[in-house]
Amino acid sequence: MTISVVVADDQPLVRSGLRTILEAQGDIRVVGEAGDGEEAVRLCESLRPQVALLDIRMPRLDGLEAARRITSSRILMLTTFSIDEYVVEALRNGASGFLLKDATPEELVKAVRSVAAGDAALSPSVARKVLELARPRASAPPLRPEALEELSAREREVLLELAKGLSNQEIAAQLFLSEPTVKTHVSHILGKLGLRDRVQAVVFAYDLGLVEPRRAGGDNI
């Protein structure tokens, strides 16, 4: 199955490079390019790509607002900076992850495939740093612990691994489950908790204090 992508960046050379990398893969096709956020929103409304690859800083309409307006595609943000408040806002505006502009071609392709599959393109180290910033900035009221009562014991285990930024494959290995079983658990977790995607599940776990960031040593959370 081919993954359709719209690429939005105000630099033509960057867009061209991203297109070249992605279309070198047999399962990814760039269906449109945008030079600003307004154009990106229009393209996504008309072409309905599976993934919108958006630069955060663009003229006329930035990637943050574009991400909020795009509802028919999964969002992968591009940023020059490893962590800043813009990334946190992007995730809360509906993005499923973000990618540094100095990422390798392999990392770009993996991120696009992950987002298209419904996963979050968020490594454990990135998840830790982002959520350290996100928790004090949370605009929503604290979630009630009673919400967890809907989850089975196994689903709670899967949620905790999600909060570490692990993929389905990594969760399966950690909990000695098959990938299809993990995928089913993740789907049930999102449905029971009324969450949009894995990123919201990560934020949910942190907001309830189920997982605390480790502030010293290593990339674990």
N, C-alpha and C. Protein backbone atom coordinates (compact mmCIF):
# COMPACT_ATOMS: atom_id res chain seq x y z
N MET A 1 0.84 -1.19 0.00
CA MET A 1 0.00 0.00 0.00
C MET A 1 0.88 1.25 0.00
N THR A 2 0.61 2.18 -0.89
CA THR A 2 1.41 3.38 -1.02
C THR A 2 0.98 4.44 -0.01
N ILE A 3 1.96 5.07 0.64
CA ILE A 3 1.70 6.14 1.60
C ILE A 3 1.78 7.47 0.87
N SER A 4 0.71 8.26 0.91
CA SER A 4 0.68 9.56 0.25
C SER A 4 1.11 10.64 1.24
N VAL A 5 1.95 11.57 0.76
CA VAL A 5 2.53 12.59 1.63
C VAL A 5 2.46 13.96 0.95
N VAL A 6 2.13 14.99 1.74
CA VAL A 6 2.30 16.38 1.32
C VAL A 6 3.46 16.95 2.12
N VAL A 7 4.40 17.59 1.43
CA VAL A 7 5.58 18.17 2.06
C VAL A 7 5.43 19.69 2.08
N ALA A 8 5.57 20.31 3.25
CA ALA A 8 5.45 21.76 3.37
C ALA A 8 6.68 22.35 4.03
N ASP A 9 7.39 23.19 3.29
CA ASP A 9 8.57 23.89 3.79
C ASP A 9 8.78 25.11 2.91
N ASP A 10 9.22 26.21 3.49
CA ASP A 10 9.36 27.42 2.69
C ASP A 10 10.64 27.44 1.86
N GLN A 11 11.50 26.44 2.01
CA GLN A 11 12.73 26.36 1.23
C GLN A 11 12.59 25.30 0.14
N PRO A 12 12.61 25.73 -1.14
CA PRO A 12 12.45 24.77 -2.25
C PRO A 12 13.47 23.65 -2.24
N LEU A 13 14.71 23.93 -1.86
CA LEU A 13 15.73 22.89 -1.85
C LEU A 13 15.42 21.83 -0.79
N VAL A 14 14.89 22.26 0.34
CA VAL A 14 14.52 21.31 1.38
C VAL A 14 13.38 20.42 0.89
N ARG A 15 12.37 21.04 0.28
CA ARG A 15 11.25 20.25 -0.24
C ARG A 15 11.73 19.25 -1.29
N SER A 16 12.62 19.69 -2.15
CA SER A 16 13.13 18.81 -3.20
C SER A 16 13.89 17.64 -2.60
N GLY A 17 14.70 17.93 -1.59
CA GLY A 17 15.46 16.86 -0.94
C GLY A 17 14.57 15.85 -0.25
N LEU A 18 13.53 16.36 0.43
CA LEU A 18 12.60 15.46 1.11
C LEU A 18 11.85 14.59 0.11
N ARG A 19 11.43 15.19 -1.01
CA ARG A 19 10.73 14.43 -2.05
C ARG A 19 11.64 13.34 -2.60
N THR A 20 12.90 13.67 -2.88
CA THR A 20 13.83 12.69 -3.44
C THR A 20 14.02 11.51 -2.53
N ILE A 21 14.19 11.79 -1.23
CA ILE A 21 14.40 10.72 -0.25
C ILE A 21 13.16 9.84 -0.15
N LEU A 22 12.00 10.46 -0.04
CA LEU A 22 10.77 9.70 0.17
C LEU A 22 10.37 8.89 -1.06
N GLU A 23 10.51 9.50 -2.25
CA GLU A 23 10.07 8.80 -3.45
C GLU A 23 11.07 7.76 -3.92
N ALA A 24 12.22 7.69 -3.27
CA ALA A 24 13.15 6.59 -3.54
C ALA A 24 12.63 5.29 -2.94
N GLN A 25 11.63 5.42 -2.06
CA GLN A 25 11.01 4.24 -1.45
C GLN A 25 9.83 3.80 -2.32
N GLY A 26 9.67 2.55 -2.47
CA GLY A 26 8.59 2.05 -3.32
C GLY A 26 7.21 2.23 -2.73
N ASP A 27 7.11 2.51 -1.42
CA ASP A 27 5.81 2.56 -0.77
C ASP A 27 5.41 3.97 -0.35
N ILE A 28 6.16 5.00 -0.78
CA ILE A 28 5.85 6.38 -0.40
C ILE A 28 5.78 7.26 -1.65
N ARG A 29 4.75 8.09 -1.74
CA ARG A 29 4.60 9.00 -2.89
C ARG A 29 4.26 10.39 -2.40
N VAL A 30 5.04 11.39 -2.82
CA VAL A 30 4.76 12.79 -2.49
C VAL A 30 3.73 13.31 -3.49
N VAL A 31 2.54 13.63 -3.00
CA VAL A 31 1.44 14.03 -3.89
C VAL A 31 1.32 15.55 -4.01
N GLY A 32 2.07 16.29 -3.19
CA GLY A 32 2.00 17.74 -3.27
C GLY A 32 3.07 18.41 -2.43
N GLU A 33 3.45 19.63 -2.81
CA GLU A 33 4.42 20.43 -2.08
C GLU A 33 3.82 21.80 -1.79
N ALA A 34 4.11 22.33 -0.61
CA ALA A 34 3.62 23.64 -0.22
C ALA A 34 4.76 24.48 0.32
N GLY A 35 4.72 25.79 0.01
CA GLY A 35 5.76 26.70 0.47
C GLY A 35 5.38 27.47 1.71
N ASP A 36 4.14 27.32 2.17
CA ASP A 36 3.69 27.99 3.40
C ASP A 36 2.54 27.20 4.00
N GLY A 37 2.14 27.60 5.21
CA GLY A 37 1.12 26.85 5.92
C GLY A 37 -0.25 26.90 5.29
N GLU A 38 -0.62 28.05 4.72
CA GLU A 38 -1.94 28.16 4.10
C GLU A 38 -2.05 27.21 2.90
N GLU A 39 -0.99 27.15 2.10
CA GLU A 39 -0.99 26.24 0.96
C GLU A 39 -1.03 24.80 1.42
N ALA A 40 -0.34 24.50 2.51
CA ALA A 40 -0.34 23.14 3.05
C ALA A 40 -1.75 22.72 3.46
N VAL A 41 -2.47 23.62 4.12
CA VAL A 41 -3.84 23.31 4.53
C VAL A 41 -4.72 23.05 3.32
N ARG A 42 -4.59 23.90 2.30
CA ARG A 42 -5.41 23.73 1.08
C ARG A 42 -5.10 22.39 0.41
N LEU A 43 -3.81 22.07 0.29
CA LEU A 43 -3.43 20.81 -0.37
C LEU A 43 -3.96 19.61 0.40
N CYS A 44 -3.87 19.67 1.71
CA CYS A 44 -4.34 18.53 2.51
C CYS A 44 -5.86 18.39 2.42
N GLU A 45 -6.56 19.51 2.31
CA GLU A 45 -8.01 19.44 2.17
C GLU A 45 -8.42 18.83 0.83
N SER A 46 -7.65 19.14 -0.22
CA SER A 46 -8.02 18.67 -1.55
C SER A 46 -7.44 17.29 -1.86
N LEU A 47 -6.22 17.02 -1.42
CA LEU A 47 -5.56 15.76 -1.76
C LEU A 47 -5.73 14.68 -0.69
N ARG A 48 -6.00 15.10 0.55
CA ARG A 48 -6.20 14.18 1.67
C ARG A 48 -5.08 13.14 1.77
N PRO A 49 -3.83 13.59 1.88
CA PRO A 49 -2.72 12.64 2.03
C PRO A 49 -2.78 11.95 3.38
N GLN A 50 -2.15 10.80 3.48
CA GLN A 50 -2.09 10.12 4.76
C GLN A 50 -1.22 10.87 5.76
N VAL A 51 -0.14 11.49 5.26
CA VAL A 51 0.79 12.19 6.13
C VAL A 51 1.06 13.59 5.58
N ALA A 52 1.03 14.59 6.47
CA ALA A 52 1.46 15.95 6.13
C ALA A 52 2.76 16.21 6.87
N LEU A 53 3.82 16.45 6.12
CA LEU A 53 5.14 16.71 6.67
C LEU A 53 5.32 18.23 6.69
N LEU A 54 5.22 18.84 7.88
CA LEU A 54 5.15 20.30 8.00
C LEU A 54 6.36 20.88 8.72
N ASP A 55 6.96 21.91 8.12
CA ASP A 55 7.96 22.68 8.83
C ASP A 55 7.24 23.53 9.87
N ILE A 56 7.86 23.73 11.03
CA ILE A 56 7.21 24.53 12.07
C ILE A 56 7.17 26.00 11.70
N ARG A 57 8.26 26.51 11.18
CA ARG A 57 8.34 27.94 10.88
C ARG A 57 8.19 28.17 9.38
N MET A 58 7.01 28.68 9.00
CA MET A 58 6.71 28.98 7.59
C MET A 58 6.00 30.32 7.52
N PRO A 59 6.07 31.02 6.37
CA PRO A 59 5.38 32.30 6.23
C PRO A 59 3.86 32.13 6.09
N ARG A 60 3.17 33.26 6.26
CA ARG A 60 1.71 33.37 6.16
C ARG A 60 0.98 32.59 7.25
N LEU A 61 1.26 31.30 7.35
CA LEU A 61 0.65 30.47 8.39
C LEU A 61 1.70 29.47 8.83
N ASP A 62 2.05 29.47 10.11
CA ASP A 62 3.12 28.57 10.54
C ASP A 62 2.62 27.13 10.67
N GLY A 63 3.55 26.23 10.86
CA GLY A 63 3.20 24.82 10.93
C GLY A 63 2.33 24.46 12.11
N LEU A 64 2.44 25.22 13.20
CA LEU A 64 1.63 24.95 14.38
C LEU A 64 0.15 25.16 14.09
N GLU A 65 -0.18 26.29 13.48
CA GLU A 65 -1.58 26.56 13.15
C GLU A 65 -2.06 25.65 12.03
N ALA A 66 -1.17 25.37 11.07
CA ALA A 66 -1.54 24.45 9.99
C ALA A 66 -1.89 23.08 10.56
N ALA A 67 -1.10 22.61 11.52
CA ALA A 67 -1.36 21.31 12.15
C ALA A 67 -2.73 21.29 12.82
N ARG A 68 -3.09 22.41 13.45
CA ARG A 68 -4.39 22.48 14.12
C ARG A 68 -5.54 22.42 13.12
N ARG A 69 -5.33 23.02 11.94
CA ARG A 69 -6.41 23.09 10.94
C ARG A 69 -6.53 21.82 10.11
N ILE A 70 -5.45 21.08 9.96
CA ILE A 70 -5.48 19.87 9.13
C ILE A 70 -6.06 18.72 9.94
N THR A 71 -7.19 18.21 9.52
CA THR A 71 -7.86 17.16 10.28
C THR A 71 -7.94 15.83 9.52
N SER A 72 -7.62 15.85 8.24
CA SER A 72 -7.77 14.64 7.44
C SER A 72 -6.47 13.86 7.27
N SER A 73 -5.37 14.39 7.78
CA SER A 73 -4.06 13.73 7.62
C SER A 73 -3.35 13.64 8.96
N ARG A 74 -2.47 12.68 9.06
CA ARG A 74 -1.61 12.61 10.24
C ARG A 74 -0.44 13.58 10.04
N ILE A 75 -0.01 14.19 11.14
CA ILE A 75 0.96 15.28 11.05
C ILE A 75 2.31 14.86 11.59
N LEU A 76 3.35 15.12 10.78
CA LEU A 76 4.73 14.95 11.22
C LEU A 76 5.42 16.30 11.06
N MET A 77 5.88 16.87 12.18
CA MET A 77 6.47 18.20 12.15
C MET A 77 7.98 18.13 11.88
N LEU A 78 8.49 19.14 11.17
CA LEU A 78 9.92 19.31 10.94
C LEU A 78 10.41 20.50 11.75
N THR A 79 11.55 20.36 12.41
CA THR A 79 12.09 21.45 13.19
C THR A 79 13.61 21.46 13.12
N THR A 80 14.19 22.65 13.22
CA THR A 80 15.64 22.80 13.25
C THR A 80 16.17 22.54 14.64
N PHE A 81 15.32 22.70 15.64
CA PHE A 81 15.76 22.62 17.02
C PHE A 81 15.33 21.30 17.64
N SER A 82 16.18 20.79 18.55
CA SER A 82 15.90 19.48 19.13
C SER A 82 14.67 19.51 20.02
N ILE A 83 14.56 20.53 20.87
CA ILE A 83 13.40 20.65 21.75
C ILE A 83 13.13 22.14 21.97
N ASP A 84 11.92 22.58 21.81
CA ASP A 84 11.51 23.91 22.21
C ASP A 84 10.01 23.91 22.41
N GLU A 85 9.48 25.05 22.86
CA GLU A 85 8.06 25.11 23.18
C GLU A 85 7.19 24.91 21.96
N TYR A 86 7.73 25.17 20.76
CA TYR A 86 6.95 24.98 19.54
C TYR A 86 6.61 23.52 19.32
N VAL A 87 7.55 22.64 19.65
CA VAL A 87 7.33 21.21 19.48
C VAL A 87 6.21 20.74 20.41
N VAL A 88 6.24 21.21 21.66
CA VAL A 88 5.19 20.84 22.61
C VAL A 88 3.83 21.27 22.08
N GLU A 89 3.75 22.52 21.61
CA GLU A 89 2.48 23.02 21.09
C GLU A 89 2.03 22.22 19.87
N ALA A 90 2.99 21.83 19.02
CA ALA A 90 2.65 21.06 17.83
C ALA A 90 2.00 19.73 18.22
N LEU A 91 2.55 19.05 19.22
CA LEU A 91 2.00 17.78 19.66
C LEU A 91 0.59 17.97 20.22
N ARG A 92 0.39 19.04 20.92
CA ARG A 92 -0.93 19.30 21.49
C ARG A 92 -1.92 19.79 20.43
N ASN A 93 -1.41 20.25 19.29
CA ASN A 93 -2.27 20.66 18.19
C ASN A 93 -2.63 19.50 17.28
N GLY A 94 -2.18 18.31 17.60
CA GLY A 94 -2.58 17.15 16.82
C GLY A 94 -1.47 16.44 16.08
N ALA A 95 -0.23 16.93 16.20
CA ALA A 95 0.87 16.26 15.52
C ALA A 95 1.14 14.90 16.15
N SER A 96 1.54 13.94 15.33
CA SER A 96 1.85 12.60 15.82
C SER A 96 3.34 12.42 16.09
N GLY A 97 4.11 13.47 15.89
CA GLY A 97 5.53 13.40 16.18
C GLY A 97 6.28 14.52 15.48
N PHE A 98 7.57 14.54 15.66
CA PHE A 98 8.37 15.53 14.97
C PHE A 98 9.74 14.96 14.64
N LEU A 99 10.38 15.62 13.67
CA LEU A 99 11.64 15.14 13.13
C LEU A 99 12.59 16.32 13.00
N LEU A 100 13.84 16.12 13.40
CA LEU A 100 14.84 17.16 13.22
C LEU A 100 15.27 17.21 11.76
N LYS A 101 15.58 18.42 11.29
CA LYS A 101 15.96 18.57 9.89
C LYS A 101 17.32 17.93 9.58
N ASP A 102 18.09 17.63 10.61
CA ASP A 102 19.37 16.96 10.37
C ASP A 102 19.25 15.44 10.54
N ALA A 103 18.01 14.95 10.56
CA ALA A 103 17.80 13.50 10.65
C ALA A 103 18.33 12.82 9.40
N THR A 104 18.65 11.55 9.53
CA THR A 104 19.14 10.80 8.38
C THR A 104 17.97 10.43 7.47
N PRO A 105 18.24 10.11 6.22
CA PRO A 105 17.17 9.64 5.33
C PRO A 105 16.42 8.45 5.91
N GLU A 106 17.15 7.55 6.55
CA GLU A 106 16.51 6.37 7.14
C GLU A 106 15.54 6.78 8.25
N GLU A 107 15.93 7.77 9.06
CA GLU A 107 15.05 8.24 10.13
C GLU A 107 13.81 8.93 9.57
N LEU A 108 13.98 9.68 8.49
CA LEU A 108 12.84 10.34 7.85
C LEU A 108 11.84 9.31 7.36
N VAL A 109 12.32 8.32 6.64
CA VAL A 109 11.44 7.29 6.08
C VAL A 109 10.74 6.53 7.20
N LYS A 110 11.49 6.18 8.24
CA LYS A 110 10.90 5.45 9.37
C LYS A 110 9.81 6.27 10.04
N ALA A 111 10.06 7.58 10.21
CA ALA A 111 9.09 8.45 10.86
C ALA A 111 7.81 8.56 10.05
N VAL A 112 7.94 8.72 8.74
CA VAL A 112 6.76 8.82 7.87
C VAL A 112 5.95 7.52 7.93
N ARG A 113 6.62 6.40 7.85
CA ARG A 113 5.92 5.11 7.93
C ARG A 113 5.24 4.93 9.28
N SER A 114 5.92 5.33 10.36
CA SER A 114 5.34 5.17 11.70
C SER A 114 4.09 6.01 11.85
N VAL A 115 4.16 7.27 11.43
CA VAL A 115 3.00 8.16 11.55
C VAL A 115 1.85 7.66 10.69
N ALA A 116 2.16 7.21 9.48
CA ALA A 116 1.11 6.69 8.59
C ALA A 116 0.42 5.48 9.19
N ALA A 117 1.18 4.69 9.96
CA ALA A 117 0.63 3.48 10.58
C ALA A 117 -0.12 3.76 11.87
N GLY A 118 -0.13 5.04 12.28
CA GLY A 118 -0.82 5.38 13.51
C GLY A 118 0.04 5.40 14.73
N ASP A 119 1.35 5.21 14.55
CA ASP A 119 2.28 5.28 15.66
C ASP A 119 2.74 6.72 15.85
N ALA A 120 3.44 6.97 16.95
CA ALA A 120 4.02 8.28 17.20
C ALA A 120 5.51 8.24 16.86
N ALA A 121 5.97 9.22 16.08
CA ALA A 121 7.39 9.32 15.77
C ALA A 121 8.07 10.07 16.90
N LEU A 122 8.22 9.37 18.02
CA LEU A 122 8.71 9.99 19.24
C LEU A 122 9.60 8.98 19.95
N SER A 123 10.91 9.23 19.93
CA SER A 123 11.84 8.31 20.59
C SER A 123 11.75 8.48 22.09
N PRO A 124 12.23 7.51 22.87
CA PRO A 124 12.17 7.65 24.33
C PRO A 124 12.84 8.92 24.84
N SER A 125 14.00 9.28 24.31
CA SER A 125 14.68 10.48 24.78
C SER A 125 13.89 11.72 24.45
N VAL A 126 13.30 11.77 23.26
CA VAL A 126 12.48 12.91 22.87
C VAL A 126 11.21 12.97 23.71
N ALA A 127 10.58 11.82 23.93
CA ALA A 127 9.37 11.79 24.74
C ALA A 127 9.63 12.36 26.12
N ARG A 128 10.75 11.99 26.71
CA ARG A 128 11.07 12.49 28.04
C ARG A 128 11.19 14.01 28.04
N LYS A 129 11.98 14.54 27.12
CA LYS A 129 12.24 15.98 27.10
C LYS A 129 10.98 16.77 26.76
N VAL A 130 10.23 16.31 25.78
CA VAL A 130 9.01 17.01 25.39
C VAL A 130 8.04 17.07 26.56
N LEU A 131 7.85 15.96 27.23
CA LEU A 131 6.84 15.93 28.28
C LEU A 131 7.29 16.61 29.56
N GLU A 132 8.59 16.75 29.76
CA GLU A 132 9.07 17.58 30.86
C GLU A 132 8.62 19.02 30.65
N LEU A 133 8.59 19.46 29.39
CA LEU A 133 8.10 20.80 29.07
C LEU A 133 6.59 20.85 29.04
N ALA A 134 5.97 19.78 28.57
CA ALA A 134 4.53 19.79 28.34
C ALA A 134 3.73 19.79 29.63
N ARG A 135 4.16 19.08 30.64
CA ARG A 135 3.35 18.94 31.84
C ARG A 135 3.06 20.26 32.54
N PRO A 136 4.07 21.15 32.74
CA PRO A 136 3.74 22.42 33.39
C PRO A 136 2.87 23.31 32.52
N ARG A 137 2.86 23.09 31.20
CA ARG A 137 2.13 23.94 30.27
C ARG A 137 0.74 23.40 29.96
N ALA A 138 0.39 22.26 30.54
CA ALA A 138 -0.89 21.64 30.19
C ALA A 138 -2.04 22.60 30.47
N SER A 139 -2.88 22.80 29.45
CA SER A 139 -3.99 23.74 29.59
C SER A 139 -5.25 23.04 30.11
N ALA A 140 -5.33 21.74 29.92
CA ALA A 140 -6.51 21.00 30.35
C ALA A 140 -6.42 20.71 31.85
N PRO A 141 -7.55 20.55 32.54
CA PRO A 141 -7.52 20.21 33.96
C PRO A 141 -6.93 18.82 34.15
N PRO A 142 -6.39 18.52 35.33
CA PRO A 142 -5.80 17.19 35.58
C PRO A 142 -6.82 16.08 35.32
N LEU A 143 -6.35 15.02 34.70
CA LEU A 143 -7.24 13.89 34.42
C LEU A 143 -7.50 13.10 35.70
N ARG A 144 -8.68 12.55 35.80
CA ARG A 144 -9.04 11.78 36.99
C ARG A 144 -8.44 10.39 36.94
N PRO A 145 -7.84 9.93 38.02
CA PRO A 145 -7.29 8.58 38.06
C PRO A 145 -8.33 7.51 37.77
N GLU A 146 -9.61 7.81 38.04
CA GLU A 146 -10.68 6.82 37.81
C GLU A 146 -10.77 6.41 36.34
N ALA A 147 -10.24 7.25 35.45
CA ALA A 147 -10.30 6.92 34.03
C ALA A 147 -9.56 5.62 33.74
N LEU A 148 -8.60 5.29 34.58
CA LEU A 148 -7.81 4.07 34.38
C LEU A 148 -8.61 2.81 34.69
N GLU A 149 -9.72 2.96 35.40
CA GLU A 149 -10.48 1.78 35.80
C GLU A 149 -11.05 1.04 34.61
N GLU A 150 -11.15 1.73 33.45
CA GLU A 150 -11.65 1.09 32.25
C GLU A 150 -10.64 0.13 31.64
N LEU A 151 -9.37 0.25 32.03
CA LEU A 151 -8.32 -0.56 31.41
C LEU A 151 -8.10 -1.85 32.17
N SER A 152 -7.80 -2.90 31.42
CA SER A 152 -7.41 -4.17 32.05
C SER A 152 -5.98 -4.05 32.57
N ALA A 153 -5.54 -5.01 33.34
CA ALA A 153 -4.17 -4.99 33.87
C ALA A 153 -3.16 -4.99 32.73
N ARG A 154 -3.40 -5.80 31.71
CA ARG A 154 -2.48 -5.85 30.58
C ARG A 154 -2.47 -4.54 29.81
N GLU A 155 -3.64 -3.92 29.66
CA GLU A 155 -3.70 -2.64 28.96
C GLU A 155 -2.94 -1.56 29.72
N ARG A 156 -2.95 -1.63 31.04
CA ARG A 156 -2.19 -0.67 31.82
C ARG A 156 -0.69 -0.87 31.59
N GLU A 157 -0.28 -2.13 31.50
CA GLU A 157 1.13 -2.40 31.21
C GLU A 157 1.54 -1.82 29.86
N VAL A 158 0.67 -2.01 28.87
CA VAL A 158 0.96 -1.48 27.54
C VAL A 158 1.00 0.05 27.57
N LEU A 159 0.09 0.67 28.31
CA LEU A 159 0.07 2.13 28.42
C LEU A 159 1.38 2.65 29.00
N LEU A 160 1.91 1.97 30.01
CA LEU A 160 3.17 2.40 30.60
C LEU A 160 4.32 2.32 29.61
N GLU A 161 4.30 1.29 28.77
CA GLU A 161 5.36 1.17 27.75
C GLU A 161 5.17 2.25 26.67
N LEU A 162 3.92 2.55 26.34
CA LEU A 162 3.65 3.65 25.40
C LEU A 162 4.24 4.96 25.92
N ALA A 163 4.11 5.17 27.22
CA ALA A 163 4.59 6.41 27.82
C ALA A 163 6.11 6.53 27.74
N LYS A 164 6.78 5.43 27.48
CA LYS A 164 8.23 5.47 27.31
C LYS A 164 8.63 5.72 25.85
N GLY A 165 7.62 5.90 24.99
CA GLY A 165 7.90 6.16 23.58
C GLY A 165 8.21 4.92 22.77
N LEU A 166 7.85 3.74 23.28
CA LEU A 166 8.19 2.51 22.58
C LEU A 166 7.21 2.24 21.43
N SER A 167 7.71 1.62 20.38
CA SER A 167 6.88 1.21 19.26
C SER A 167 6.14 -0.07 19.60
N ASN A 168 5.19 -0.47 18.76
CA ASN A 168 4.49 -1.74 18.98
C ASN A 168 5.45 -2.91 19.02
N GLN A 169 6.43 -2.89 18.13
CA GLN A 169 7.41 -3.98 18.09
C GLN A 169 8.21 -4.04 19.39
N GLU A 170 8.61 -2.88 19.90
CA GLU A 170 9.39 -2.84 21.14
C GLU A 170 8.54 -3.24 22.34
N ILE A 171 7.27 -2.83 22.34
CA ILE A 171 6.38 -3.23 23.43
C ILE A 171 6.16 -4.74 23.41
N ALA A 172 5.99 -5.28 22.21
CA ALA A 172 5.79 -6.72 22.08
C ALA A 172 6.98 -7.49 22.67
N ALA A 173 8.19 -7.02 22.37
CA ALA A 173 9.39 -7.69 22.90
C ALA A 173 9.47 -7.53 24.42
N GLN A 174 9.11 -6.36 24.92
CA GLN A 174 9.21 -6.08 26.35
C GLN A 174 8.22 -6.91 27.16
N LEU A 175 7.01 -7.10 26.62
CA LEU A 175 5.95 -7.79 27.36
C LEU A 175 5.71 -9.22 26.87
N PHE A 176 6.56 -9.67 25.94
CA PHE A 176 6.45 -11.05 25.41
C PHE A 176 5.07 -11.29 24.77
N LEU A 177 4.69 -10.34 23.93
CA LEU A 177 3.43 -10.43 23.20
C LEU A 177 3.71 -10.37 21.71
N SER A 178 2.70 -10.71 20.90
CA SER A 178 2.85 -10.54 19.45
C SER A 178 2.51 -9.10 19.10
N GLU A 179 3.02 -8.63 17.96
CA GLU A 179 2.72 -7.26 17.53
C GLU A 179 1.22 -7.04 17.30
N PRO A 180 0.51 -8.00 16.64
CA PRO A 180 -0.94 -7.80 16.47
C PRO A 180 -1.67 -7.65 17.81
N THR A 181 -1.22 -8.41 18.83
CA THR A 181 -1.84 -8.32 20.14
C THR A 181 -1.61 -6.94 20.75
N VAL A 182 -0.39 -6.43 20.62
CA VAL A 182 -0.08 -5.10 21.12
C VAL A 182 -0.93 -4.05 20.41
N LYS A 183 -1.03 -4.19 19.09
CA LYS A 183 -1.83 -3.23 18.31
C LYS A 183 -3.28 -3.22 18.79
N THR A 184 -3.82 -4.40 19.09
CA THR A 184 -5.19 -4.50 19.59
C THR A 184 -5.31 -3.82 20.95
N HIS A 185 -4.33 -4.06 21.83
CA HIS A 185 -4.35 -3.41 23.15
C HIS A 185 -4.31 -1.90 23.02
N VAL A 186 -3.45 -1.40 22.14
CA VAL A 186 -3.33 0.05 21.95
C VAL A 186 -4.65 0.63 21.47
N SER A 187 -5.29 -0.05 20.53
CA SER A 187 -6.58 0.40 20.03
C SER A 187 -7.62 0.46 21.14
N HIS A 188 -7.64 -0.57 22.00
CA HIS A 188 -8.58 -0.60 23.11
C HIS A 188 -8.29 0.53 24.10
N ILE A 189 -7.02 0.78 24.36
CA ILE A 189 -6.63 1.85 25.29
C ILE A 189 -7.13 3.20 24.79
N LEU A 190 -6.87 3.48 23.52
CA LEU A 190 -7.30 4.76 22.95
C LEU A 190 -8.82 4.90 22.99
N GLY A 191 -9.52 3.82 22.65
CA GLY A 191 -10.97 3.86 22.65
C GLY A 191 -11.56 4.05 24.04
N LYS A 192 -11.05 3.31 25.01
CA LYS A 192 -11.59 3.39 26.37
C LYS A 192 -11.33 4.75 27.02
N LEU A 193 -10.17 5.33 26.71
CA LEU A 193 -9.80 6.60 27.34
C LEU A 193 -10.21 7.81 26.51
N GLY A 194 -10.79 7.55 25.32
CA GLY A 194 -11.22 8.66 24.47
C GLY A 194 -10.07 9.49 23.94
N LEU A 195 -8.96 8.84 23.61
CA LEU A 195 -7.77 9.52 23.14
C LEU A 195 -7.65 9.39 21.63
N ARG A 196 -7.05 10.40 21.00
CA ARG A 196 -6.94 10.44 19.54
C ARG A 196 -5.87 9.49 19.02
N ASP A 197 -4.71 9.47 19.67
CA ASP A 197 -3.60 8.68 19.15
C ASP A 197 -2.60 8.39 20.26
N ARG A 198 -1.47 7.81 19.89
CA ARG A 198 -0.46 7.40 20.86
C ARG A 198 0.15 8.59 21.59
N VAL A 199 0.29 9.72 20.90
CA VAL A 199 0.87 10.89 21.55
C VAL A 199 -0.02 11.33 22.71
N GLN A 200 -1.34 11.35 22.49
CA GLN A 200 -2.24 11.70 23.58
C GLN A 200 -2.17 10.69 24.71
N ALA A 201 -1.93 9.43 24.38
CA ALA A 201 -1.78 8.41 25.41
C ALA A 201 -0.54 8.67 26.26
N VAL A 202 0.53 9.11 25.61
CA VAL A 202 1.76 9.45 26.34
C VAL A 202 1.50 10.62 27.29
N VAL A 203 0.86 11.67 26.77
CA VAL A 203 0.57 12.84 27.59
C VAL A 203 -0.36 12.45 28.75
N PHE A 204 -1.35 11.60 28.46
CA PHE A 204 -2.27 11.12 29.49
C PHE A 204 -1.51 10.46 30.63
N ALA A 205 -0.59 9.57 30.30
CA ALA A 205 0.17 8.85 31.32
C ALA A 205 1.01 9.80 32.17
N TYR A 206 1.61 10.79 31.53
CA TYR A 206 2.41 11.76 32.27
C TYR A 206 1.55 12.68 33.11
N ASP A 207 0.42 13.12 32.56
CA ASP A 207 -0.45 14.02 33.29
C ASP A 207 -1.00 13.38 34.56
N LEU A 208 -1.18 12.08 34.53
CA LEU A 208 -1.65 11.36 35.71
C LEU A 208 -0.51 10.95 36.64
N GLY A 209 0.72 11.21 36.22
CA GLY A 209 1.86 10.85 37.05
C GLY A 209 2.17 9.37 37.05
N LEU A 210 1.70 8.65 36.02
CA LEU A 210 1.98 7.22 35.94
C LEU A 210 3.45 6.96 35.63
N VAL A 211 4.06 7.89 34.93
CA VAL A 211 5.48 7.79 34.59
C VAL A 211 6.13 9.13 34.88
N GLU A 212 7.27 9.09 35.53
CA GLU A 212 8.00 10.32 35.84
C GLU A 212 9.27 10.38 35.03
N PRO A 213 9.60 11.54 34.43
CA PRO A 213 10.85 11.67 33.71
C PRO A 213 12.04 11.48 34.62
N ARG A 214 13.04 10.77 34.12
CA ARG A 214 14.32 10.66 34.83
C ARG A 214 15.20 11.80 34.39
N ARG A 215 15.68 12.58 35.33
CA ARG A 215 16.41 13.79 35.00
C ARG A 215 17.92 13.59 35.00
N ALA A 216 18.35 12.42 35.24
CA ALA A 216 19.80 12.22 35.27
C ALA A 216 20.15 10.91 34.63
N GLY A 217 21.05 10.98 33.64
CA GLY A 217 21.62 9.77 33.06
C GLY A 217 20.69 9.03 32.12
N GLY A 218 21.19 8.64 30.96
CA GLY A 218 20.47 7.76 30.04
C GLY A 218 19.33 8.42 29.33
N ASP A 219 18.73 7.65 28.41
CA ASP A 219 17.63 8.14 27.61
C ASP A 219 16.30 7.56 28.07
N ASN A 220 16.30 6.79 29.15
CA ASN A 220 15.07 6.18 29.61
C ASN A 220 14.21 7.21 30.31
N ILE A 221 12.91 6.89 30.43
CA ILE A 221 12.01 7.78 31.14
C ILE A 221 11.25 7.00 32.20
